[in-house]
PDB file of N, CA and C in Angstrom:
ATOM      1  N   MET A   1      -4.793 103.624 153.065  1.00  0.00           N
ATOM      2  CA  MET A   1      -5.903 104.425 152.569  1.00  0.00           C
ATOM      3  C   MET A   1      -5.388 105.810 152.188  1.00  0.00           C
ATOM      4  N   SER A   2      -5.927 106.365 151.111  1.00  0.00           N
ATOM      5  CA  SER A   2      -5.388 107.609 150.567  1.00  0.00           C
ATOM      6  C   SER A   2      -6.022 108.873 151.132  1.00  0.00           C
ATOM      7  N   ASN A   3      -7.137 108.797 151.859  1.00  0.00           N
ATOM      8  CA  ASN A   3      -7.861 109.956 152.370  1.00  0.00           C
ATOM      9  C   ASN A   3      -8.546 110.748 151.255  1.00  0.00           C
ATOM     10  N   ILE A   4      -8.596 110.176 150.048  1.00  0.00           N
ATOM     11  CA  ILE A   4      -9.256 110.801 148.912  1.00  0.00           C
ATOM     12  C   ILE A   4     -10.599 110.098 148.712  1.00  0.00           C
ATOM     13  N   LYS A   5     -11.612 110.885 148.360  1.00  0.00           N
ATOM     14  CA  LYS A   5     -12.964 110.365 148.150  1.00  0.00           C
ATOM     15  C   LYS A   5     -13.421 110.631 146.720  1.00  0.00           C
ATOM     16  N   LEU A   6     -14.285 109.766 146.239  1.00  0.00           N
ATOM     17  CA  LEU A   6     -14.971 109.974 144.978  1.00  0.00           C
ATOM     18  C   LEU A   6     -16.401 110.349 145.320  1.00  0.00           C
ATOM     19  N   ALA A   7     -16.811 111.536 144.907  1.00  0.00           N
ATOM     20  CA  ALA A   7     -18.193 111.976 145.115  1.00  0.00           C
ATOM     21  C   ALA A   7     -19.038 111.517 143.938  1.00  0.00           C
ATOM     22  N   TYR A   8     -20.237 111.053 144.235  1.00  0.00           N
ATOM     23  CA  TYR A   8     -21.212 110.623 143.233  1.00  0.00           C
ATOM     24  C   TYR A   8     -22.459 111.465 143.466  1.00  0.00           C
ATOM     25  N   ILE A   9     -22.787 112.300 142.475  1.00  0.00           N
ATOM     26  CA  ILE A   9     -23.915 113.219 142.603  1.00  0.00           C
ATOM     27  C   ILE A   9     -24.776 113.093 141.351  1.00  0.00           C
ATOM     28  N   THR A  10     -26.061 112.808 141.517  1.00  0.00           N
ATOM     29  CA  THR A  10     -26.947 112.773 140.356  1.00  0.00           C
ATOM     30  C   THR A  10     -27.559 114.155 140.153  1.00  0.00           C
ATOM     31  N   CYS A  11     -27.705 114.534 138.883  1.00  0.00           N
ATOM     32  CA  CYS A  11     -28.223 115.853 138.509  1.00  0.00           C
ATOM     33  C   CYS A  11     -29.300 115.694 137.450  1.00  0.00           C
ATOM     34  N   LYS A  12     -30.143 116.714 137.308  1.00  0.00           N
ATOM     35  CA  LYS A  12     -31.230 116.611 136.336  1.00  0.00           C
ATOM     36  C   LYS A  12     -30.751 116.677 134.894  1.00  0.00           C
ATOM     37  N   ASN A  13     -29.605 117.344 134.658  1.00  0.00           N
ATOM     38  CA  ASN A  13     -29.095 117.467 133.288  1.00  0.00           C
ATOM     39  C   ASN A  13     -27.641 117.950 133.306  1.00  0.00           C
ATOM     40  N   ASN A  14     -27.046 118.083 132.109  1.00  0.00           N
ATOM     41  CA  ASN A  14     -25.652 118.519 132.002  1.00  0.00           C
ATOM     42  C   ASN A  14     -25.438 119.930 132.541  1.00  0.00           C
ATOM     43  N   LYS A  15     -26.390 120.808 132.258  1.00  0.00           N
ATOM     44  CA  LYS A  15     -26.258 122.196 132.708  1.00  0.00           C
ATOM     45  C   LYS A  15     -26.130 122.261 134.225  1.00  0.00           C
ATOM     46  N   GLU A  16     -26.998 121.543 134.928  1.00  0.00           N
ATOM     47  CA  GLU A  16     -26.945 121.548 136.383  1.00  0.00           C
ATOM     48  C   GLU A  16     -25.635 120.922 136.880  1.00  0.00           C
ATOM     49  N   ALA A  17     -25.218 119.813 136.272  1.00  0.00           N
ATOM     50  CA  ALA A  17     -23.967 119.158 136.678  1.00  0.00           C
ATOM     51  C   ALA A  17     -22.783 120.109 136.489  1.00  0.00           C
ATOM     52  N   ASN A  18     -22.761 120.822 135.360  1.00  0.00           N
ATOM     53  CA  ASN A  18     -21.688 121.791 135.102  1.00  0.00           C
ATOM     54  C   ASN A  18     -21.701 122.928 136.124  1.00  0.00           C
ATOM     55  N   GLN A  19     -22.868 123.430 136.444  1.00  0.00           N
ATOM     56  CA  GLN A  19     -22.977 124.517 137.428  1.00  0.00           C
ATOM     57  C   GLN A  19     -22.484 124.070 138.798  1.00  0.00           C
ATOM     58  N   ILE A  20     -22.887 122.880 139.206  1.00  0.00           N
ATOM     59  CA  ILE A  20     -22.474 122.364 140.518  1.00  0.00           C
ATOM     60  C   ILE A  20     -20.972 122.108 140.535  1.00  0.00           C
ATOM     61  N   ALA A  21     -20.448 121.455 139.502  1.00  0.00           N
ATOM     62  CA  ALA A  21     -19.003 121.169 139.450  1.00  0.00           C
ATOM     63  C   ALA A  21     -18.190 122.458 139.486  1.00  0.00           C
ATOM     64  N   THR A  22     -18.605 123.451 138.719  1.00  0.00           N
ATOM     65  CA  THR A  22     -17.887 124.726 138.681  1.00  0.00           C
ATOM     66  C   THR A  22     -17.898 125.401 140.047  1.00  0.00           C
ATOM     67  N   LYS A  23     -19.038 125.409 140.699  1.00  0.00           N
ATOM     68  CA  LYS A  23     -19.144 126.020 142.031  1.00  0.00           C
ATOM     69  C   LYS A  23     -18.253 125.280 143.038  1.00  0.00           C
ATOM     70  N   LEU A  24     -18.253 123.953 142.978  1.00  0.00           N
ATOM     71  CA  LEU A  24     -17.423 123.171 143.910  1.00  0.00           C
ATOM     72  C   LEU A  24     -15.936 123.411 143.658  1.00  0.00           C
ATOM     73  N   ILE A  25     -15.528 123.483 142.400  1.00  0.00           N
ATOM     74  CA  ILE A  25     -14.124 123.757 142.089  1.00  0.00           C
ATOM     75  C   ILE A  25     -13.744 125.161 142.528  1.00  0.00           C
ATOM     76  N   ASN A  26     -14.591 126.141 142.210  1.00  0.00           N
ATOM     77  CA  ASN A  26     -14.298 127.528 142.576  1.00  0.00           C
ATOM     78  C   ASN A  26     -14.240 127.757 144.081  1.00  0.00           C
ATOM     79  N   ASN A  27     -14.901 126.889 144.845  1.00  0.00           N
ATOM     80  CA  ASN A  27     -14.868 126.981 146.303  1.00  0.00           C
ATOM     81  C   ASN A  27     -13.866 126.019 146.930  1.00  0.00           C
ATOM     82  N   ASN A  28     -12.978 125.482 146.083  1.00  0.00           N
ATOM     83  CA  ASN A  28     -11.897 124.604 146.555  1.00  0.00           C
ATOM     84  C   ASN A  28     -12.396 123.371 147.309  1.00  0.00           C
ATOM     85  N   LEU A  29     -13.536 122.831 146.857  1.00  0.00           N
ATOM     86  CA  LEU A  29     -14.096 121.652 147.510  1.00  0.00           C
ATOM     87  C   LEU A  29     -13.816 120.370 146.731  1.00  0.00           C
ATOM     88  N   ILE A  30     -13.565 120.490 145.436  1.00  0.00           N
ATOM     89  CA  ILE A  30     -13.182 119.322 144.635  1.00  0.00           C
ATOM     90  C   ILE A  30     -11.992 119.701 143.763  1.00  0.00           C
ATOM     91  N   ALA A  31     -11.202 118.698 143.398  1.00  0.00           N
ATOM     92  CA  ALA A  31     -10.054 118.937 142.521  1.00  0.00           C
ATOM     93  C   ALA A  31     -10.474 118.903 141.061  1.00  0.00           C
ATOM     94  N   CYS A  32     -11.399 118.015 140.721  1.00  0.00           N
ATOM     95  CA  CYS A  32     -11.830 117.867 139.336  1.00  0.00           C
ATOM     96  C   CYS A  32     -13.140 117.096 139.307  1.00  0.00           C
ATOM     97  N   ALA A  33     -13.788 117.123 138.135  1.00  0.00           N
ATOM     98  CA  ALA A  33     -15.070 116.439 137.996  1.00  0.00           C
ATOM     99  C   ALA A  33     -15.184 115.810 136.616  1.00  0.00           C
ATOM    100  N   ASN A  34     -15.983 114.769 136.540  1.00  0.00           N
ATOM    101  CA  ASN A  34     -16.372 114.140 135.284  1.00  0.00           C
ATOM    102  C   ASN A  34     -17.888 114.142 135.238  1.00  0.00           C
ATOM    103  N   ILE A  35     -18.434 114.403 134.055  1.00  0.00           N
ATOM    104  CA  ILE A  35     -19.878 114.452 133.896  1.00  0.00           C
ATOM    105  C   ILE A  35     -20.280 113.368 132.895  1.00  0.00           C
ATOM    106  N   VAL A  36     -21.173 112.493 133.339  1.00  0.00           N
ATOM    107  CA  VAL A  36     -21.639 111.375 132.530  1.00  0.00           C
ATOM    108  C   VAL A  36     -23.108 111.647 132.194  1.00  0.00           C
ATOM    109  N   SER A  37     -23.366 111.861 130.911  1.00  0.00           N
ATOM    110  CA  SER A  37     -24.699 112.273 130.463  1.00  0.00           C
ATOM    111  C   SER A  37     -25.603 111.096 130.124  1.00  0.00           C
ATOM    112  N   ASN A  38     -26.891 111.411 130.094  1.00  0.00           N
ATOM    113  CA  ASN A  38     -27.895 110.520 129.528  1.00  0.00           C
ATOM    114  C   ASN A  38     -27.951 109.155 130.223  1.00  0.00           C
ATOM    115  N   VAL A  39     -27.993 109.171 131.527  1.00  0.00           N
ATOM    116  CA  VAL A  39     -28.069 107.954 132.331  1.00  0.00           C
ATOM    117  C   VAL A  39     -29.545 107.677 132.646  1.00  0.00           C
ATOM    118  N   GLN A  40     -29.976 106.458 132.466  1.00  0.00           N
ATOM    119  CA  GLN A  40     -31.348 106.090 132.804  1.00  0.00           C
ATOM    120  C   GLN A  40     -31.438 105.800 134.300  1.00  0.00           C
ATOM    121  N   SER A  41     -32.315 106.497 135.000  1.00  0.00           N
ATOM    122  CA  SER A  41     -32.521 106.283 136.429  1.00  0.00           C
ATOM    123  C   SER A  41     -33.945 105.812 136.675  1.00  0.00           C
ATOM    124  N   ILE A  42     -34.076 104.876 137.592  1.00  0.00           N
ATOM    125  CA  ILE A  42     -35.382 104.346 137.984  1.00  0.00           C
ATOM    126  C   ILE A  42     -35.431 104.338 139.506  1.00  0.00           C
ATOM    127  N   PHE A  43     -36.462 104.970 140.065  1.00  0.00           N
ATOM    128  CA  PHE A  43     -36.561 105.060 141.518  1.00  0.00           C
ATOM    129  C   PHE A  43     -37.998 105.362 141.923  1.00  0.00           C
ATOM    130  N   LYS A  44     -38.292 105.173 143.193  1.00  0.00           N
ATOM    131  CA  LYS A  44     -39.592 105.562 143.733  1.00  0.00           C
ATOM    132  C   LYS A  44     -39.431 106.897 144.452  1.00  0.00           C
ATOM    133  N   TRP A  45     -40.353 107.809 144.154  1.00  0.00           N
ATOM    134  CA  TRP A  45     -40.359 109.110 144.821  1.00  0.00           C
ATOM    135  C   TRP A  45     -41.792 109.427 145.193  1.00  0.00           C
ATOM    136  N   LYS A  46     -42.025 109.585 146.487  1.00  0.00           N
ATOM    137  CA  LYS A  46     -43.371 109.862 147.008  1.00  0.00           C
ATOM    138  C   LYS A  46     -44.374 108.818 146.500  1.00  0.00           C
ATOM    139  N   SER A  47     -43.986 107.558 146.653  1.00  0.00           N
ATOM    140  CA  SER A  47     -44.799 106.382 146.314  1.00  0.00           C
ATOM    141  C   SER A  47     -45.072 106.206 144.820  1.00  0.00           C
ATOM    142  N   LYS A  48     -44.358 106.931 143.980  1.00  0.00           N
ATOM    143  CA  LYS A  48     -44.571 106.849 142.535  1.00  0.00           C
ATOM    144  C   LYS A  48     -43.295 106.360 141.860  1.00  0.00           C
ATOM    145  N   LEU A  49     -43.429 105.413 140.929  1.00  0.00           N
ATOM    146  CA  LEU A  49     -42.283 104.920 140.183  1.00  0.00           C
ATOM    147  C   LEU A  49     -41.889 105.966 139.146  1.00  0.00           C
ATOM    148  N   ILE A  50     -40.619 106.357 139.163  1.00  0.00           N
ATOM    149  CA  ILE A  50     -40.103 107.391 138.267  1.00  0.00           C
ATOM    150  C   ILE A  50     -39.031 106.767 137.376  1.00  0.00           C
ATOM    151  N   LYS A  51     -39.104 107.068 136.087  1.00  0.00           N
ATOM    152  CA  LYS A  51     -38.062 106.689 135.133  1.00  0.00           C
ATOM    153  C   LYS A  51     -37.652 107.961 134.417  1.00  0.00           C
ATOM    154  N   ASN A  52     -36.414 108.406 134.652  1.00  0.00           N
ATOM    155  CA  ASN A  52     -35.928 109.665 134.109  1.00  0.00           C
ATOM    156  C   ASN A  52     -34.527 109.519 133.549  1.00  0.00           C
ATOM    157  N   LYS A  53     -34.190 110.403 132.667  1.00  0.00           N
ATOM    158  CA  LYS A  53     -32.794 110.571 132.261  1.00  0.00           C
ATOM    159  C   LYS A  53     -32.158 111.522 133.269  1.00  0.00           C
ATOM    160  N   GLU A  54     -30.946 111.208 133.684  1.00  0.00           N
ATOM    161  CA  GLU A  54     -30.206 112.064 134.599  1.00  0.00           C
ATOM    162  C   GLU A  54     -28.764 112.165 134.113  1.00  0.00           C
ATOM    163  N   THR A  55     -28.012 112.994 134.797  1.00  0.00           N
ATOM    164  CA  THR A  55     -26.584 113.158 134.546  1.00  0.00           C
ATOM    165  C   THR A  55     -25.860 112.862 135.846  1.00  0.00           C
ATOM    166  N   ILE A  56     -24.759 112.139 135.746  1.00  0.00           N
ATOM    167  CA  ILE A  56     -23.965 111.819 136.938  1.00  0.00           C
ATOM    168  C   ILE A  56     -22.741 112.723 136.973  1.00  0.00           C
ATOM    169  N   LEU A  57     -22.516 113.316 138.115  1.00  0.00           N
ATOM    170  CA  LEU A  57     -21.324 114.119 138.381  1.00  0.00           C
ATOM    171  C   LEU A  57     -20.425 113.311 139.306  1.00  0.00           C
ATOM    172  N   LEU A  58     -19.237 112.998 138.840  1.00  0.00           N
ATOM    173  CA  LEU A  58     -18.222 112.304 139.641  1.00  0.00           C
ATOM    174  C   LEU A  58     -17.126 113.314 139.950  1.00  0.00           C
ATOM    175  N   ALA A  59     -16.722 113.390 141.206  1.00  0.00           N
ATOM    176  CA  ALA A  59     -15.716 114.380 141.580  1.00  0.00           C
ATOM    177  C   ALA A  59     -14.734 113.786 142.578  1.00  0.00           C
ATOM    178  N   LYS A  60     -13.489 114.254 142.492  1.00  0.00           N
ATOM    179  CA  LYS A  60     -12.454 113.801 143.418  1.00  0.00           C
ATOM    180  C   LYS A  60     -12.217 114.883 144.460  1.00  0.00           C
ATOM    181  N   THR A  61     -12.149 114.438 145.733  1.00  0.00           N
ATOM    182  CA  THR A  61     -12.022 115.379 146.831  1.00  0.00           C
ATOM    183  C   THR A  61     -11.293 114.729 148.004  1.00  0.00           C
ATOM    184  N   LYS A  62     -11.104 115.507 149.046  1.00  0.00           N
ATOM    185  CA  LYS A  62     -10.527 114.993 150.292  1.00  0.00           C
ATOM    186  C   LYS A  62     -11.649 114.729 151.292  1.00  0.00           C
ATOM    187  N   LYS A  63     -11.404 113.790 152.179  1.00  0.00           N
ATOM    188  CA  LYS A  63     -12.392 113.435 153.201  1.00  0.00           C
ATOM    189  C   LYS A  63     -12.842 114.665 153.985  1.00  0.00           C
ATOM    190  N   SER A  64     -11.942 115.565 154.277  1.00  0.00           N
ATOM    191  CA  SER A  64     -12.257 116.742 155.096  1.00  0.00           C
ATOM    192  C   SER A  64     -13.225 117.707 154.405  1.00  0.00           C
ATOM    193  N   LYS A  65     -13.470 117.531 153.111  1.00  0.00           N
ATOM    194  CA  LYS A  65     -14.334 118.438 152.348  1.00  0.00           C
ATOM    195  C   LYS A  65     -15.762 117.912 152.183  1.00  0.00           C
ATOM    196  N   THR A  66     -16.031 116.671 152.586  1.00  0.00           N
ATOM    197  CA  THR A  66     -17.305 116.039 152.251  1.00  0.00           C
ATOM    198  C   THR A  66     -18.523 116.751 152.852  1.00  0.00           C
ATOM    199  N   LYS A  67     -18.458 117.170 154.085  1.00  0.00           N
ATOM    200  CA  LYS A  67     -19.612 117.851 154.701  1.00  0.00           C
ATOM    201  C   LYS A  67     -19.914 119.164 153.993  1.00  0.00           C
ATOM    202  N   ASP A  68     -18.877 119.904 153.648  1.00  0.00           N
ATOM    203  CA  ASP A  68     -19.076 121.165 152.943  1.00  0.00           C
ATOM    204  C   ASP A  68     -19.666 120.938 151.552  1.00  0.00           C
ATOM    205  N   ILE A  69     -19.269 119.846 150.907  1.00  0.00           N
ATOM    206  CA  ILE A  69     -19.835 119.510 149.594  1.00  0.00           C
ATOM    207  C   ILE A  69     -21.320 119.207 149.728  1.00  0.00           C
ATOM    208  N   VAL A  70     -21.686 118.390 150.687  1.00  0.00           N
ATOM    209  CA  VAL A  70     -23.097 118.060 150.897  1.00  0.00           C
ATOM    210  C   VAL A  70     -23.898 119.334 151.147  1.00  0.00           C
ATOM    211  N   ASN A  71     -23.391 120.202 152.001  1.00  0.00           N
ATOM    212  CA  ASN A  71     -24.090 121.452 152.320  1.00  0.00           C
ATOM    213  C   ASN A  71     -24.260 122.334 151.083  1.00  0.00           C
ATOM    214  N   MET A  72     -23.207 122.505 150.306  1.00  0.00           N
ATOM    215  CA  MET A  72     -23.290 123.367 149.137  1.00  0.00           C
ATOM    216  C   MET A  72     -24.217 122.787 148.081  1.00  0.00           C
ATOM    217  N   VAL A  73     -24.073 121.496 147.800  1.00  0.00           N
ATOM    218  CA  VAL A  73     -24.928 120.867 146.782  1.00  0.00           C
ATOM    219  C   VAL A  73     -26.388 120.958 147.210  1.00  0.00           C
ATOM    220  N   SER A  74     -26.672 120.730 148.476  1.00  0.00           N
ATOM    221  CA  SER A  74     -28.050 120.792 148.966  1.00  0.00           C
ATOM    222  C   SER A  74     -28.662 122.173 148.755  1.00  0.00           C
ATOM    223  N   LYS A  75     -27.861 123.206 148.826  1.00  0.00           N
ATOM    224  CA  LYS A  75     -28.350 124.578 148.660  1.00  0.00           C
ATOM    225  C   LYS A  75     -28.621 124.938 147.206  1.00  0.00           C
ATOM    226  N   ILE A  76     -27.836 124.397 146.266  1.00  0.00           N
ATOM    227  CA  ILE A  76     -27.942 124.846 144.874  1.00  0.00           C
ATOM    228  C   ILE A  76     -28.593 123.827 143.941  1.00  0.00           C
ATOM    229  N   HIS A  77     -28.815 122.619 144.410  1.00  0.00           N
ATOM    230  CA  HIS A  77     -29.372 121.545 143.567  1.00  0.00           C
ATOM    231  C   HIS A  77     -30.871 121.747 143.367  1.00  0.00           C
ATOM    232  N   SER A  78     -31.358 121.345 142.208  1.00  0.00           N
ATOM    233  CA  SER A  78     -32.797 121.488 141.918  1.00  0.00           C
ATOM    234  C   SER A  78     -33.648 120.418 142.615  1.00  0.00           C
ATOM    235  N   TYR A  79     -33.048 119.305 142.999  1.00  0.00           N
ATOM    236  CA  TYR A  79     -33.812 118.237 143.641  1.00  0.00           C
ATOM    237  C   TYR A  79     -34.075 118.566 145.102  1.00  0.00           C
ATOM    238  N   GLU A  80     -35.224 118.123 145.577  1.00  0.00           N
ATOM    239  CA  GLU A  80     -35.573 118.277 146.987  1.00  0.00           C
ATOM    240  C   GLU A  80     -34.641 117.441 147.877  1.00  0.00           C
ATOM    241  N   ASN A  81     -34.231 116.281 147.358  1.00  0.00           N
ATOM    242  CA  ASN A  81     -33.393 115.353 148.109  1.00  0.00           C
ATOM    243  C   ASN A  81     -32.299 114.797 147.196  1.00  0.00           C
ATOM    244  N   PRO A  82     -31.275 115.604 146.896  1.00  0.00           N
ATOM    245  CA  PRO A  82     -30.257 115.153 145.935  1.00  0.00           C
ATOM    246  C   PRO A  82     -29.400 114.008 146.470  1.00  0.00           C
ATOM    247  N   CYS A  83     -28.998 113.142 145.560  1.00  0.00           N
ATOM    248  CA  CYS A  83     -28.065 112.058 145.888  1.00  0.00           C
ATOM    249  C   CYS A  83     -26.657 112.643 145.904  1.00  0.00           C
ATOM    250  N   VAL A  84     -26.054 112.661 147.075  1.00  0.00           N
ATOM    251  CA  VAL A  84     -24.658 113.085 147.234  1.00  0.00           C
ATOM    252  C   VAL A  84     -24.015 112.061 148.165  1.00  0.00           C
ATOM    253  N   VAL A  85     -23.230 111.151 147.581  1.00  0.00           N
ATOM    254  CA  VAL A  85     -22.589 110.106 148.378  1.00  0.00           C
ATOM    255  C   VAL A  85     -21.106 110.044 148.014  1.00  0.00           C
ATOM    256  N   PHE A  86     -20.334 109.416 148.883  1.00  0.00           N
ATOM    257  CA  PHE A  86     -18.887 109.370 148.712  1.00  0.00           C
ATOM    258  C   PHE A  86     -18.381 107.942 148.841  1.00  0.00           C
ATOM    259  N   PHE A  87     -17.365 107.644 148.042  1.00  0.00           N
ATOM    260  CA  PHE A  87     -16.702 106.348 148.068  1.00  0.00           C
ATOM    261  C   PHE A  87     -15.225 106.561 148.377  1.00  0.00           C
ATOM    262  N   ASP A  88     -14.656 105.658 149.167  1.00  0.00           N
ATOM    263  CA  ASP A  88     -13.229 105.717 149.454  1.00  0.00           C
ATOM    264  C   ASP A  88     -12.425 105.325 148.226  1.00  0.00           C
ATOM    265  N   ILE A  89     -11.374 106.061 147.975  1.00  0.00           N
ATOM    266  CA  ILE A  89     -10.398 105.658 146.955  1.00  0.00           C
ATOM    267  C   ILE A  89      -9.254 105.011 147.715  1.00  0.00           C
ATOM    268  N   GLU A  90      -9.175 103.701 147.631  1.00  0.00           N
ATOM    269  CA  GLU A  90      -8.193 102.943 148.398  1.00  0.00           C
ATOM    270  C   GLU A  90      -6.801 103.017 147.769  1.00  0.00           C
ATOM    271  N   GLU A  91      -6.757 102.923 146.453  1.00  0.00           N
ATOM    272  CA  GLU A  91      -5.484 102.921 145.741  1.00  0.00           C
ATOM    273  C   GLU A  91      -5.658 103.639 144.424  1.00  0.00           C
ATOM    274  N   GLY A  92      -4.533 103.962 143.816  1.00  0.00           N
ATOM    275  CA  GLY A  92      -4.565 104.597 142.502  1.00  0.00           C
ATOM    276  C   GLY A  92      -3.201 105.166 142.164  1.00  0.00           C
ATOM    277  N   SER A  93      -3.172 105.917 141.111  1.00  0.00           N
ATOM    278  CA  SER A  93      -1.941 106.576 140.689  1.00  0.00           C
ATOM    279  C   SER A  93      -1.459 107.531 141.776  1.00  0.00           C
ATOM    280  N   LYS A  94      -0.269 107.314 142.282  1.00  0.00           N
ATOM    281  CA  LYS A  94       0.260 108.176 143.343  1.00  0.00           C
ATOM    282  C   LYS A  94       0.367 109.620 142.878  1.00  0.00           C
ATOM    283  N   GLN A  95       0.764 109.804 141.609  1.00  0.00           N
ATOM    284  CA  GLN A  95       0.885 111.162 141.082  1.00  0.00           C
ATOM    285  C   GLN A  95      -0.481 111.853 141.051  1.00  0.00           C
ATOM    286  N   PHE A  96      -1.509 111.132 140.647  1.00  0.00           N
ATOM    287  CA  PHE A  96      -2.846 111.716 140.599  1.00  0.00           C
ATOM    288  C   PHE A  96      -3.352 112.036 141.992  1.00  0.00           C
ATOM    289  N   LEU A  97      -3.214 111.104 142.928  1.00  0.00           N
ATOM    290  CA  LEU A  97      -3.698 111.331 144.289  1.00  0.00           C
ATOM    291  C   LEU A  97      -2.956 112.489 144.949  1.00  0.00           C
ATOM    292  N   THR A  98      -1.673 112.610 144.671  1.00  0.00           N
ATOM    293  CA  THR A  98      -0.896 113.752 145.186  1.00  0.00           C
ATOM    294  C   THR A  98      -1.421 115.049 144.589  1.00  0.00           C
ATOM    295  N   TRP A  99      -1.723 115.035 143.299  1.00  0.00           N
ATOM    296  CA  TRP A  99      -2.260 116.231 142.631  1.00  0.00           C
ATOM    297  C   TRP A  99      -3.588 116.649 143.260  1.00  0.00           C
ATOM    298  N   VAL A 100      -4.477 115.687 143.538  1.00  0.00           N
ATOM    299  CA  VAL A 100      -5.769 116.005 144.177  1.00  0.00           C
ATOM    300  C   VAL A 100      -5.519 116.686 145.511  1.00  0.00           C
ATOM    301  N   LYS A 101      -4.640 116.113 146.318  1.00  0.00           N
ATOM    302  CA  LYS A 101      -4.334 116.693 147.636  1.00  0.00           C
ATOM    303  C   LYS A 101      -3.766 118.095 147.498  1.00  0.00           C
ATOM    304  N   GLN A 102      -2.879 118.317 146.544  1.00  0.00           N
ATOM    305  CA  GLN A 102      -2.278 119.631 146.343  1.00  0.00           C
ATOM    306  C   GLN A 102      -3.313 120.663 145.891  1.00  0.00           C
ATOM    307  N   CYS A 103      -4.276 120.245 145.095  1.00  0.00           N
ATOM    308  CA  CYS A 103      -5.338 121.149 144.626  1.00  0.00           C
ATOM    309  C   CYS A 103      -6.205 121.634 145.777  1.00  0.00           C
ATOM    310  N   LEU A 104      -6.326 120.820 146.807  1.00  0.00           N
ATOM    311  CA  LEU A 104      -7.306 121.082 147.870  1.00  0.00           C
ATOM    312  C   LEU A 104      -6.669 121.502 149.189  1.00  0.00           C
ATOM    313  N   LYS A 105      -5.535 122.138 149.132  1.00  0.00           N
ATOM    314  CA  LYS A 105      -4.876 122.590 150.377  1.00  0.00           C
ATOM    315  C   LYS A 105      -5.658 123.709 151.022  1.00  0.00           C
TER     316      LYS A 105
END
């Protein structure tokens, strides 16, 4: 296991995703981010079916940074209950994984 995580964060739009990614990078919590625009989301919120366009923020980080990421995103996100989840990166380019670790010392 590489000890590297992929963060998955849904945002209301590109502007919010960019603001969150920039803040996380500037606070040394993520090495890099990708923003995927115009995603169709369907979910129930307060007993109501919601269909919205959202933006997905994908970010690479270390396991030791995940709690701080959740805390920071919760403070600056526009959603009352933002989706901030992490996936293990089991394998990948050794050079890339080393670069992520070096970025987050």
